[in-house]
Amino acid sequence: MSAPYKSISTDQAPSAIGPYCQATVHNGTIYCSGNIPFDPKTMQTVEGGVEAQTQQAMTNLLNVIQAAGGDKSTILKTTVFIKDMNDFAKINAVYEKNLAPYKPARSAVEVARLPKDVLVEVECIATVKA
């Protein structure tokens, strides 16, 4: 019996640090796991503060989407988990730069703690490019 979805894995983003995959694809929809600001080669958090961490998390996310058959134009919805809402403007600027000219639906939430004590995590739902 085959799986009801396809698991996605790319070395262009950090490998999963738990019992999950980087993304799944089902019926043309990509469901991306949360992407934290790890360098995929070292599996360590990038240095440089919240902007550098947001850039790495976005790069990881876009690489997973590409591996799954999509691109930034196919993102339908994102969720951004933020350690400190005071960083929202900085995170937003990096987020917008990475997704322009597209503006998918988004939720942004402040959380008490993120994996490996990173400052930001980004997940999304996208579609496979037609």
C-alpha atoms as a PDB file:
ATOM      1  CA  MET A   1       0.000   0.000   0.000  1.00  0.00           C
ATOM      2  CA  SER A   2       1.442   3.379  -0.979  1.00  0.00           C
ATOM      3  CA  ALA A   3       1.493   6.491   1.195  1.00  0.00           C
ATOM      4  CA  PRO A   4      -1.395   8.924   0.627  1.00  0.00           C
ATOM      5  CA  TYR A   5       1.168  11.676   0.066  1.00  0.00           C
ATOM      6  CA  LYS A   6       4.714  12.198  -1.159  1.00  0.00           C
ATOM      7  CA  SER A   7       7.390  13.139   1.387  1.00  0.00           C
ATOM      8  CA  ILE A   8       9.836  15.828   0.273  1.00  0.00           C
ATOM      9  CA  SER A   9      13.485  15.976   1.246  1.00  0.00           C
ATOM     10  CA  THR A  10      16.231  18.281  -0.029  1.00  0.00           C
ATOM     11  CA  ASP A  11      19.785  18.897   1.108  1.00  0.00           C
ATOM     12  CA  GLN A  12      19.217  22.582   0.278  1.00  0.00           C
ATOM     13  CA  ALA A  13      17.406  22.963   3.606  1.00  0.00           C
ATOM     14  CA  PRO A  14      18.145  21.567   7.072  1.00  0.00           C
ATOM     15  CA  SER A  15      17.155  17.978   7.602  1.00  0.00           C
ATOM     16  CA  ALA A  16      14.299  17.303  10.002  1.00  0.00           C
ATOM     17  CA  ILE A  17      15.326  17.303  13.663  1.00  0.00           C
ATOM     18  CA  GLY A  18      12.407  15.111  14.682  1.00  0.00           C
ATOM     19  CA  PRO A  19       9.959  12.525  13.361  1.00  0.00           C
ATOM     20  CA  TYR A  20       8.698  14.540  10.386  1.00  0.00           C
ATOM     21  CA  CYS A  21       9.700  15.444   6.835  1.00  0.00           C
ATOM     22  CA  GLN A  22      10.509  18.839   5.306  1.00  0.00           C
ATOM     23  CA  ALA A  23       7.231  18.843   3.364  1.00  0.00           C
ATOM     24  CA  THR A  24       4.525  16.627   1.987  1.00  0.00           C
ATOM     25  CA  VAL A  25       2.645  16.894  -1.295  1.00  0.00           C
ATOM     26  CA  HIS A  26      -0.925  15.685  -1.622  1.00  0.00           C
ATOM     27  CA  ASN A  27      -3.302  16.377  -4.519  1.00  0.00           C
ATOM     28  CA  GLY A  28      -1.115  19.202  -5.849  1.00  0.00           C
ATOM     29  CA  THR A  29      -0.782  20.949  -2.493  1.00  0.00           C
ATOM     30  CA  ILE A  30       2.533  21.378  -0.673  1.00  0.00           C
ATOM     31  CA  TYR A  31       2.464  21.394   3.134  1.00  0.00           C
ATOM     32  CA  CYS A  32       5.807  22.675   4.442  1.00  0.00           C
ATOM     33  CA  SER A  33       7.005  21.964   7.937  1.00  0.00           C
ATOM     34  CA  GLY A  34       8.318  24.864   9.973  1.00  0.00           C
ATOM     35  CA  ASN A  35      11.677  26.135   8.780  1.00  0.00           C
ATOM     36  CA  ILE A  36      14.117  27.440  11.332  1.00  0.00           C
ATOM     37  CA  PRO A  37      17.280  29.424  10.590  1.00  0.00           C
ATOM     38  CA  PHE A  38      19.708  26.537  10.402  1.00  0.00           C
ATOM     39  CA  ASP A  39      22.454  26.462   7.826  1.00  0.00           C
ATOM     40  CA  PRO A  40      21.709  23.188   6.005  1.00  0.00           C
ATOM     41  CA  LYS A  41      25.404  22.314   5.776  1.00  0.00           C
ATOM     42  CA  THR A  42      26.267  22.788   9.466  1.00  0.00           C
ATOM     43  CA  MET A  43      22.822  22.266  11.037  1.00  0.00           C
ATOM     44  CA  GLN A  44      23.606  25.240  13.280  1.00  0.00           C
ATOM     45  CA  THR A  45      21.691  28.486  13.783  1.00  0.00           C
ATOM     46  CA  VAL A  46      23.017  31.297  11.605  1.00  0.00           C
ATOM     47  CA  GLU A  47      24.549  34.262  13.390  1.00  0.00           C
ATOM     48  CA  GLY A  48      23.627  37.898  12.911  1.00  0.00           C
ATOM     49  CA  GLY A  49      20.377  38.464  14.772  1.00  0.00           C
ATOM     50  CA  VAL A  50      16.748  38.319  13.775  1.00  0.00           C
ATOM     51  CA  GLU A  51      17.204  39.610  10.211  1.00  0.00           C
ATOM     52  CA  ALA A  52      19.867  37.018   9.387  1.00  0.00           C
ATOM     53  CA  GLN A  53      17.765  34.303  11.024  1.00  0.00           C
ATOM     54  CA  THR A  54      14.660  35.356   9.089  1.00  0.00           C
ATOM     55  CA  GLN A  55      16.609  35.359   5.818  1.00  0.00           C
ATOM     56  CA  GLN A  56      17.914  31.840   6.456  1.00  0.00           C
ATOM     57  CA  ALA A  57      14.474  30.552   7.454  1.00  0.00           C
ATOM     58  CA  MET A  58      12.981  32.051   4.263  1.00  0.00           C
ATOM     59  CA  THR A  59      15.787  30.617   2.109  1.00  0.00           C
ATOM     60  CA  ASN A  60      15.202  27.190   3.654  1.00  0.00           C
ATOM     61  CA  LEU A  61      11.441  27.472   3.086  1.00  0.00           C
ATOM     62  CA  LEU A  62      11.823  28.497  -0.556  1.00  0.00           C
ATOM     63  CA  ASN A  63      14.288  25.657  -1.172  1.00  0.00           C
ATOM     64  CA  VAL A  64      11.841  23.115   0.247  1.00  0.00           C
ATOM     65  CA  ILE A  65       9.006  24.536  -1.869  1.00  0.00           C
ATOM     66  CA  GLN A  66      11.202  24.306  -4.971  1.00  0.00           C
ATOM     67  CA  ALA A  67      12.099  20.690  -4.167  1.00  0.00           C
ATOM     68  CA  ALA A  68       8.372  19.963  -3.872  1.00  0.00           C
ATOM     69  CA  GLY A  69       7.602  21.472  -7.281  1.00  0.00           C
ATOM     70  CA  GLY A  70       6.539  24.998  -6.393  1.00  0.00           C
ATOM     71  CA  ASP A  71       8.033  28.450  -6.067  1.00  0.00           C
ATOM     72  CA  LYS A  72       7.233  31.682  -4.246  1.00  0.00           C
ATOM     73  CA  SER A  73       4.385  32.413  -6.669  1.00  0.00           C
ATOM     74  CA  THR A  74       2.606  29.232  -5.547  1.00  0.00           C
ATOM     75  CA  ILE A  75       2.552  30.030  -1.810  1.00  0.00           C
ATOM     76  CA  LEU A  76      -1.026  30.308  -0.567  1.00  0.00           C
ATOM     77  CA  LYS A  77      -0.562  30.801   3.196  1.00  0.00           C
ATOM     78  CA  THR A  78       2.314  31.234   5.612  1.00  0.00           C
ATOM     79  CA  THR A  79       2.593  31.135   9.355  1.00  0.00           C
ATOM     80  CA  VAL A  80       5.430  33.020  11.025  1.00  0.00           C
ATOM     81  CA  PHE A  81       6.314  32.123  14.595  1.00  0.00           C
ATOM     82  CA  ILE A  82       8.175  34.954  16.336  1.00  0.00           C
ATOM     83  CA  LYS A  83      10.076  34.806  19.620  1.00  0.00           C
ATOM     84  CA  ASP A  84       9.651  38.550  20.282  1.00  0.00           C
ATOM     85  CA  MET A  85       6.922  40.601  18.598  1.00  0.00           C
ATOM     86  CA  ASN A  86       9.160  43.660  18.987  1.00  0.00           C
ATOM     87  CA  ASP A  87      11.099  42.153  16.045  1.00  0.00           C
ATOM     88  CA  PHE A  88       7.998  42.119  13.819  1.00  0.00           C
ATOM     89  CA  ALA A  89       9.041  45.060  11.589  1.00  0.00           C
ATOM     90  CA  LYS A  90      12.503  43.582  10.957  1.00  0.00           C
ATOM     91  CA  ILE A  91      11.064  40.142  10.217  1.00  0.00           C
ATOM     92  CA  ASN A  92       8.373  41.647   7.998  1.00  0.00           C
ATOM     93  CA  ALA A  93      10.936  43.531   5.876  1.00  0.00           C
ATOM     94  CA  VAL A  94      12.950  40.356   5.181  1.00  0.00           C
ATOM     95  CA  TYR A  95       9.775  38.333   4.590  1.00  0.00           C
ATOM     96  CA  GLU A  96       8.450  40.875   2.088  1.00  0.00           C
ATOM     97  CA  LYS A  97      11.792  41.089   0.244  1.00  0.00           C
ATOM     98  CA  ASN A  98      11.801  37.314  -0.217  1.00  0.00           C
ATOM     99  CA  LEU A  99       8.226  36.972  -1.441  1.00  0.00           C
ATOM    100  CA  ALA A 100       7.736  40.164  -3.492  1.00  0.00           C
ATOM    101  CA  PRO A 101       5.722  40.800  -5.529  1.00  0.00           C
ATOM    102  CA  TYR A 102       3.511  38.092  -4.005  1.00  0.00           C
ATOM    103  CA  LYS A 103       1.544  38.560  -0.806  1.00  0.00           C
ATOM    104  CA  PRO A 104       0.107  35.245   0.379  1.00  0.00           C
ATOM    105  CA  ALA A 105      -2.253  35.054   3.323  1.00  0.00           C
ATOM    106  CA  ARG A 106      -0.300  35.012   6.588  1.00  0.00           C
ATOM    107  CA  SER A 107      -0.556  34.551  10.311  1.00  0.00           C
ATOM    108  CA  ALA A 108       2.155  35.864  12.627  1.00  0.00           C
ATOM    109  CA  VAL A 109       2.253  34.744  16.230  1.00  0.00           C
ATOM    110  CA  GLU A 110       4.537  35.408  19.156  1.00  0.00           C
ATOM    111  CA  VAL A 111       5.529  32.217  20.926  1.00  0.00           C
ATOM    112  CA  ALA A 112       7.251  31.539  24.224  1.00  0.00           C
ATOM    113  CA  ARG A 113       9.973  29.384  22.722  1.00  0.00           C
ATOM    114  CA  LEU A 114      11.027  27.873  19.396  1.00  0.00           C
ATOM    115  CA  PRO A 115      13.136  24.796  18.624  1.00  0.00           C
ATOM    116  CA  LYS A 116      16.815  25.284  19.433  1.00  0.00           C
ATOM    117  CA  ASP A 117      15.932  28.741  20.853  1.00  0.00           C
ATOM    118  CA  VAL A 118      15.849  30.374  17.417  1.00  0.00           C
ATOM    119  CA  LEU A 119      14.134  33.752  16.954  1.00  0.00           C
ATOM    120  CA  VAL A 120      11.816  32.873  14.046  1.00  0.00           C
ATOM    121  CA  GLU A 121      10.238  29.905  12.259  1.00  0.00           C
ATOM    122  CA  VAL A 122       8.241  29.956   9.012  1.00  0.00           C
ATOM    123  CA  GLU A 123       5.898  27.354   7.525  1.00  0.00           C
ATOM    124  CA  CYS A 124       3.557  27.463   4.562  1.00  0.00           C
ATOM    125  CA  ILE A 125       1.021  25.832   2.318  1.00  0.00           C
ATOM    126  CA  ALA A 126       1.687  26.131  -1.409  1.00  0.00           C
ATOM    127  CA  THR A 127       0.713  24.451  -4.638  1.00  0.00           C
ATOM    128  CA  VAL A 128       2.753  22.474  -7.124  1.00  0.00           C
ATOM    129  CA  LYS A 129       3.567  24.669 -10.105  1.00  0.00           C
ATOM    130  CA  ALA A 130       1.212  23.984 -12.990  1.00  0.00           C
END
